[in-house]
Amino acid sequence: MQSCNHDEFMVYEGNTETRNVGDYISNNFDLSLFHAALVKTDLLNAVTGSEKVTVYAPTNAAFNALGIYRASDFDKLNRDSLTTMIQYHMLGKILSSEEIPVKTLDAKYPNMAGKDLIISKHAGTSQWDKTRVFINGAEAIRMDIALTNGILNIVNACFKYQEGNVQHFLSKRPEYSVFVAGLKKFGYWERLAQGEWSVVAPDNQAFEKDGITLDSISRMDPKKFYNRFMGVYLFDTRIFLTDLESSGQSLAPSIEGDIRMSRTIFYNVDIRWFAVHTQEAGQYGRFTALSPNNKVNYLTDNGTVHNIEKLLFRPDEAVLTNTGN
């Protein structure tokens, strides 16, 4: 996904104290797609009236990453779903960045869709270490634009909330049919109905690259594999990838029943990508980059899903008889 450089993102603010949030959005070219979505869903009045609001407006580049390039592209979407999506970016109250607690990854604020925005903040200490605010896996590249009826923030990605749990998210998408079959075959599927999860989900193309199909999954005997073959993709806690970036930490739980294999989701500061690192005790590790930003940070009611385009283990690397793994 493309994002705007903090220094390059320039907008004309004029007398912001005399304009409301809706007027500001209407007159900002780089927010034209968000404006079109507000018009399409009859939500423009919600940000132009006297009611106090806080809005997190995605840039045009954020919509482009989802395949939306012009206002007419919204005509292809279900109107109710689009309405929920846009309401997800709006709070019915004023919330400045100063009110968000520091070093908290799960501060929740109810939005106009009746769900919670999950916001975290890194408090900067210098001009080189600036304060950063992350919302549902997106970053606010402009914060606290004060207007007559509230506050506008500009974000570099659309919030990708999906109704239902992780199971619903995966099962409704044909591109994960082989992964779902694998989770069911190896006994992990029912676990995803409850608890909180972060799922690193290989799409069908990832399986196809290694010659794995629905048929080959059906013929596998789970008793002949280490748990790493499918268990490596499931983390029993909910994270956005930006949580790792803002906290400077990684996520490295063990794989249940496969103690010799470690796995870590981490953020590489120098290269600016997220990856999963897997390593057998005493063996050389493997680094696999996660997908671009438009395919990560999907939020469901019980976790997040992050797409991956390469398997972490081929079947021959996870069979119990392969003593080299």
Protein backbone atom coordinates (compact mmCIF):
# COMPACT_ATOMS: atom_id res chain seq x y z
CA MET A 1 0.00 0.00 0.00
CA GLN A 2 1.26 3.48 -0.78
CA SER A 3 1.49 5.94 2.05
CA CYS A 4 2.33 9.58 2.28
CA ASN A 5 5.56 10.79 3.75
CA HIS A 6 4.91 12.94 6.79
CA ASP A 7 6.86 15.84 5.34
CA GLU A 8 5.41 15.47 1.85
CA PHE A 9 1.77 15.41 2.89
CA MET A 10 0.73 19.04 2.54
CA VAL A 11 -2.78 20.41 2.85
CA TYR A 12 -4.15 23.92 2.81
CA GLU A 13 -5.81 24.50 6.17
CA GLY A 14 -6.80 28.16 5.87
CA ASN A 15 -8.91 29.36 8.79
CA THR A 16 -9.67 25.92 10.16
CA GLU A 17 -11.56 27.38 13.12
CA THR A 18 -14.26 28.69 10.76
CA ARG A 19 -14.83 25.40 8.93
CA ASN A 20 -16.49 22.21 10.05
CA VAL A 21 -15.09 18.73 9.49
CA GLY A 22 -17.25 18.10 6.44
CA ASP A 23 -16.23 21.36 4.76
CA TYR A 24 -12.57 20.63 5.35
CA ILE A 25 -12.89 17.17 3.79
CA SER A 26 -14.92 18.53 0.85
CA ASN A 27 -12.18 21.02 -0.02
CA ASN A 28 -9.20 18.71 0.34
CA PHE A 29 -8.24 16.95 -2.90
CA ASP A 30 -6.37 14.12 -1.19
CA LEU A 31 -9.53 13.25 0.76
CA SER A 32 -11.80 13.29 -2.29
CA LEU A 33 -12.54 9.56 -2.16
CA PHE A 34 -13.44 9.72 1.52
CA HIS A 35 -15.72 12.66 0.67
CA ALA A 36 -17.33 10.60 -2.10
CA ALA A 37 -17.92 7.77 0.36
CA LEU A 38 -19.55 10.18 2.83
CA VAL A 39 -21.86 11.40 0.08
CA LYS A 40 -22.63 7.88 -1.13
CA THR A 41 -23.62 6.76 2.39
CA ASP A 42 -25.49 9.95 3.35
CA LEU A 43 -23.01 10.50 6.19
CA LEU A 44 -21.74 13.91 5.09
CA ASN A 45 -24.39 15.59 7.25
CA ALA A 46 -22.99 13.75 10.28
CA VAL A 47 -19.72 15.65 9.95
CA THR A 48 -21.14 19.04 8.91
CA GLY A 49 -23.71 19.58 11.65
CA SER A 50 -23.40 20.84 15.20
CA GLU A 51 -22.81 17.42 16.80
CA LYS A 52 -19.24 16.94 18.00
CA VAL A 53 -17.21 14.35 16.09
CA THR A 54 -13.71 12.97 15.69
CA VAL A 55 -12.98 11.66 12.20
CA TYR A 56 -10.10 9.51 10.96
CA ALA A 57 -10.10 10.20 7.22
CA PRO A 58 -8.16 7.84 4.92
CA THR A 59 -6.20 9.42 2.09
CA ASN A 60 -6.93 8.66 -1.54
CA ALA A 61 -3.86 6.39 -1.54
CA ALA A 62 -5.43 4.38 1.29
CA PHE A 63 -8.51 3.74 -0.84
CA ASN A 64 -6.35 3.05 -3.90
CA ALA A 65 -4.71 0.21 -1.95
CA LEU A 66 -8.16 -1.40 -1.72
CA GLY A 67 -8.77 -1.05 -5.45
CA ILE A 68 -10.86 2.12 -5.20
CA TYR A 69 -9.61 4.83 -7.56
CA ARG A 70 -12.67 6.94 -8.37
CA ALA A 71 -16.01 7.81 -6.80
CA SER A 72 -17.87 5.47 -9.16
CA ASP A 73 -15.98 2.51 -7.70
CA PHE A 74 -18.13 2.81 -4.58
CA ASP A 75 -21.14 1.87 -6.73
CA LYS A 76 -19.75 -1.67 -6.89
CA LEU A 77 -19.88 -2.06 -3.10
CA ASN A 78 -22.78 -3.04 -0.90
CA ARG A 79 -24.15 0.23 0.44
CA ASP A 80 -24.82 -1.06 3.96
CA SER A 81 -21.31 -2.49 4.21
CA LEU A 82 -19.82 0.75 2.92
CA THR A 83 -21.87 2.73 5.47
CA THR A 84 -20.54 0.57 8.30
CA MET A 85 -17.00 0.95 6.98
CA ILE A 86 -17.21 4.75 6.92
CA GLN A 87 -18.94 4.94 10.32
CA TYR A 88 -16.05 2.89 11.64
CA HIS A 89 -13.80 5.91 10.99
CA MET A 90 -15.97 8.28 13.06
CA LEU A 91 -16.45 8.91 16.78
CA GLY A 92 -19.45 10.77 18.17
CA LYS A 93 -17.26 12.82 20.50
CA ILE A 94 -14.10 14.88 20.51
CA LEU A 95 -10.94 12.87 21.12
CA SER A 96 -7.59 14.62 20.85
CA SER A 97 -4.31 12.74 20.71
CA GLU A 98 -3.41 14.15 24.13
CA GLU A 99 -6.27 12.18 25.67
CA ILE A 100 -4.96 8.84 24.39
CA PRO A 101 -2.86 7.03 27.01
CA VAL A 102 0.81 6.44 26.25
CA LYS A 103 2.24 2.92 25.87
CA THR A 104 -1.19 1.31 25.77
CA LEU A 105 -1.94 -0.96 22.82
CA ASP A 106 -5.63 -1.54 23.43
CA ALA A 107 -7.31 1.73 24.41
CA LYS A 108 -10.84 1.38 23.04
CA TYR A 109 -13.21 4.12 21.92
CA PRO A 110 -16.74 3.38 20.57
CA ASN A 111 -17.31 4.58 17.02
CA MET A 112 -20.46 5.40 15.07
CA ALA A 113 -20.65 1.83 13.76
CA GLY A 114 -21.29 0.61 17.30
CA LYS A 115 -17.85 -1.03 17.55
CA ASP A 116 -14.59 -0.03 19.20
CA LEU A 117 -11.63 1.69 17.63
CA ILE A 118 -8.41 0.33 19.13
CA ILE A 119 -5.87 3.13 19.49
CA SER A 120 -2.27 3.17 20.67
CA LYS A 121 0.19 6.02 21.07
CA HIS A 122 3.95 6.30 21.09
CA ALA A 123 5.03 9.49 22.86
CA GLY A 124 7.98 11.04 21.09
CA THR A 125 10.84 12.64 22.97
CA SER A 126 12.44 14.77 20.24
CA GLN A 127 12.03 16.09 16.70
CA TRP A 128 13.54 12.80 15.49
CA ASP A 129 11.35 10.69 17.76
CA LYS A 130 7.92 12.14 17.10
CA THR A 131 4.66 11.24 18.78
CA ARG A 132 2.81 8.65 16.68
CA VAL A 133 -0.79 7.48 16.93
CA PHE A 134 -2.00 4.17 15.48
CA ILE A 135 -5.67 3.28 14.98
CA ASN A 136 -6.74 -0.25 14.06
CA GLY A 137 -3.42 -0.87 12.34
CA ALA A 138 -3.31 2.47 10.48
CA GLU A 139 -1.18 5.48 11.38
CA ALA A 140 -2.39 9.05 11.75
CA ILE A 141 -0.14 11.06 9.43
CA ARG A 142 -1.86 14.31 10.47
CA MET A 143 -3.41 14.69 13.90
CA ASP A 144 -5.67 17.07 15.79
CA ILE A 145 -6.87 19.38 13.02
CA ALA A 146 -9.25 21.48 15.12
CA LEU A 147 -12.50 22.46 13.37
CA THR A 148 -15.76 24.01 14.51
CA ASN A 149 -17.54 20.73 15.20
CA GLY A 150 -14.69 18.45 16.14
CA ILE A 151 -11.30 17.06 15.26
CA LEU A 152 -10.04 15.62 11.98
CA ASN A 153 -7.15 13.17 11.73
CA ILE A 154 -5.76 11.90 8.44
CA VAL A 155 -4.73 8.22 8.30
CA ASN A 156 -2.64 6.23 5.84
CA ALA A 157 -4.92 3.18 5.63
CA CYS A 158 -8.59 2.32 5.77
CA PHE A 159 -9.74 0.46 8.86
CA LYS A 160 -10.52 -3.10 7.79
CA TYR A 161 -13.14 -4.40 10.22
CA GLN A 162 -15.07 -7.53 9.29
CA GLU A 163 -18.22 -8.61 11.13
CA GLY A 164 -17.92 -12.06 12.74
CA ASN A 165 -14.99 -14.03 14.14
CA VAL A 166 -11.77 -15.23 12.53
CA GLN A 167 -13.52 -18.36 11.29
CA HIS A 168 -16.11 -16.29 9.45
CA PHE A 169 -13.45 -14.09 7.88
CA LEU A 170 -11.44 -17.02 6.50
CA SER A 171 -14.36 -19.21 5.43
CA LYS A 172 -16.04 -16.40 3.45
CA ARG A 173 -12.95 -15.82 1.30
CA PRO A 174 -12.24 -18.33 -1.47
CA GLU A 175 -8.56 -17.38 -1.50
CA TYR A 176 -8.13 -19.11 1.87
CA SER A 177 -9.97 -22.36 1.04
CA VAL A 178 -6.83 -24.52 1.20
CA PHE A 179 -5.72 -22.92 4.48
CA VAL A 180 -9.17 -23.51 5.99
CA ALA A 181 -9.08 -27.14 4.85
CA GLY A 182 -5.67 -27.52 6.48
CA LEU A 183 -6.82 -26.00 9.75
CA LYS A 184 -9.78 -28.38 9.82
CA LYS A 185 -7.69 -31.41 8.88
CA PHE A 186 -5.08 -30.73 11.55
CA GLY A 187 -7.57 -29.94 14.33
CA TYR A 188 -7.13 -26.18 14.71
CA TRP A 189 -10.32 -24.87 13.13
CA GLU A 190 -12.71 -25.09 16.08
CA ARG A 191 -10.27 -23.25 18.34
CA LEU A 192 -10.71 -20.11 16.24
CA ALA A 193 -14.36 -19.79 17.25
CA GLN A 194 -13.39 -18.49 20.69
CA GLY A 195 -10.58 -16.60 22.39
CA GLU A 196 -8.43 -13.94 20.72
CA TRP A 197 -6.15 -14.67 17.79
CA SER A 198 -3.70 -13.25 15.33
CA VAL A 199 -3.66 -15.43 12.22
CA VAL A 200 -0.90 -15.26 9.63
CA ALA A 201 -2.92 -16.67 6.73
CA PRO A 202 -1.30 -18.19 3.62
CA ASP A 203 -3.51 -17.71 0.57
CA ASN A 204 -4.18 -20.43 -1.99
CA GLN A 205 -1.33 -19.22 -4.20
CA ALA A 206 1.10 -19.79 -1.34
CA PHE A 207 0.01 -23.43 -1.15
CA GLU A 208 0.00 -23.82 -4.93
CA LYS A 209 3.63 -22.69 -5.15
CA ASP A 210 4.54 -25.81 -3.18
CA GLY A 211 2.11 -28.07 -5.01
CA ILE A 212 -0.45 -28.32 -2.21
CA THR A 213 -4.11 -28.57 -3.17
CA LEU A 214 -7.39 -29.35 -1.42
CA ASP A 215 -6.95 -32.94 -2.55
CA SER A 216 -3.44 -33.29 -1.12
CA ILE A 217 -4.60 -31.75 2.18
CA SER A 218 -7.39 -34.33 2.38
CA ARG A 219 -4.87 -37.17 1.96
CA MET A 220 -2.50 -35.98 4.68
CA ASP A 221 -2.23 -37.83 8.00
CA PRO A 222 -1.82 -35.23 10.80
CA LYS A 223 -0.15 -37.82 13.03
CA LYS A 224 2.84 -37.84 10.69
CA PHE A 225 3.53 -34.10 10.99
CA TYR A 226 5.00 -31.79 13.57
CA ASN A 227 2.49 -29.24 14.88
CA ARG A 228 4.54 -26.56 13.13
CA PHE A 229 3.01 -27.42 9.74
CA MET A 230 -0.27 -25.62 10.53
CA GLY A 231 0.20 -24.42 14.12
CA VAL A 232 2.90 -21.95 13.12
CA TYR A 233 0.28 -19.62 11.62
CA LEU A 234 -1.81 -19.18 14.79
CA PHE A 235 -0.93 -16.78 17.62
CA ASP A 236 -3.30 -16.81 20.59
CA THR A 237 -3.44 -13.06 21.11
CA ARG A 238 -4.79 -10.19 19.03
CA ILE A 239 -2.25 -7.77 17.56
CA PHE A 240 -2.07 -5.23 14.80
CA LEU A 241 1.32 -5.14 13.12
CA THR A 242 1.60 -1.49 14.15
CA ASP A 243 1.56 -2.67 17.78
CA LEU A 244 4.97 -4.21 17.15
CA GLU A 245 6.22 -1.08 15.41
CA SER A 246 5.06 1.31 18.14
CA SER A 247 6.21 -0.85 21.05
CA GLY A 248 9.50 -1.94 19.53
CA GLN A 249 8.70 -5.51 20.59
CA SER A 250 8.03 -8.78 18.78
CA LEU A 251 5.48 -11.53 19.22
CA ALA A 252 7.15 -14.87 19.92
CA PRO A 253 4.93 -17.48 21.59
CA SER A 254 5.92 -21.13 21.35
CA ILE A 255 4.08 -23.59 19.12
CA GLU A 256 1.99 -25.89 21.26
CA GLY A 257 3.45 -29.40 21.23
CA ASP A 258 6.47 -28.40 19.10
CA ILE A 259 8.89 -26.93 21.59
CA ARG A 260 12.00 -27.20 19.37
CA MET A 261 10.53 -24.77 16.84
CA SER A 262 10.40 -21.05 17.61
CA ARG A 263 8.49 -18.44 15.60
CA THR A 264 8.40 -14.67 15.84
CA ILE A 265 6.46 -11.87 14.15
CA PHE A 266 8.63 -8.78 14.16
CA TYR A 267 9.17 -5.41 12.55
CA ASN A 268 12.47 -4.67 10.82
CA VAL A 269 13.17 -0.99 11.45
CA ASP A 270 15.86 -0.65 8.79
CA ILE A 271 14.04 -2.40 5.95
CA ARG A 272 10.53 -1.39 7.10
CA TRP A 273 8.77 -4.72 6.71
CA PHE A 274 7.10 -7.20 8.97
CA ALA A 275 8.14 -10.83 8.86
CA VAL A 276 7.79 -14.19 10.52
CA HIS A 277 11.02 -15.81 11.62
CA THR A 278 10.97 -19.56 12.25
CA GLN A 279 13.91 -21.49 13.63
CA GLU A 280 14.52 -25.08 14.69
CA ALA A 281 16.77 -25.42 17.73
CA GLY A 282 20.33 -25.58 16.42
CA GLN A 283 19.26 -25.02 12.82
CA TYR A 284 19.35 -22.04 10.48
CA GLY A 285 16.21 -19.92 10.61
CA ARG A 286 13.88 -18.72 7.88
CA PHE A 287 12.53 -15.21 7.34
CA THR A 288 9.28 -14.79 5.43
CA ALA A 289 7.94 -11.31 4.76
CA LEU A 290 4.27 -10.57 5.36
CA SER A 291 2.07 -9.13 2.61
CA PRO A 292 1.79 -5.41 1.80
CA ASN A 293 -0.26 -3.22 4.12
CA ASN A 294 -3.47 -3.57 2.16
CA LYS A 295 -3.55 -7.30 3.05
CA VAL A 296 -2.81 -7.10 6.76
CA ASN A 297 -4.49 -5.79 9.91
CA TYR A 298 -7.93 -7.17 9.14
CA LEU A 299 -9.90 -6.93 12.40
CA THR A 300 -12.63 -9.39 13.34
CA ASP A 301 -14.63 -9.76 16.54
CA ASN A 302 -12.03 -12.11 18.04
CA GLY A 303 -8.76 -11.29 16.37
CA THR A 304 -6.75 -10.07 13.41
CA VAL A 305 -5.75 -11.67 10.12
CA HIS A 306 -2.56 -10.90 8.19
CA ASN A 307 -2.03 -12.36 4.71
CA ILE A 308 1.18 -14.18 3.83
CA GLU A 309 2.20 -15.21 0.31
CA LYS A 310 4.66 -17.98 1.08
CA LEU A 311 4.33 -21.04 3.29
CA LEU A 312 6.49 -21.14 6.39
CA PHE A 313 6.93 -24.91 6.02
CA ARG A 314 6.58 -27.28 3.11
CA PRO A 315 5.10 -30.67 4.04
CA ASP A 316 8.48 -32.40 3.67
CA GLU A 317 9.97 -29.95 6.18
CA ALA A 318 7.36 -30.77 8.81
CA VAL A 319 7.02 -34.55 8.66
CA LEU A 320 8.07 -36.36 11.82
CA THR A 321 10.37 -38.69 9.89
CA ASN A 322 12.45 -35.77 8.60
CA THR A 323 15.12 -35.57 11.29
CA GLY A 324 16.64 -32.48 9.71
CA ASN A 325 13.70 -30.35 10.87
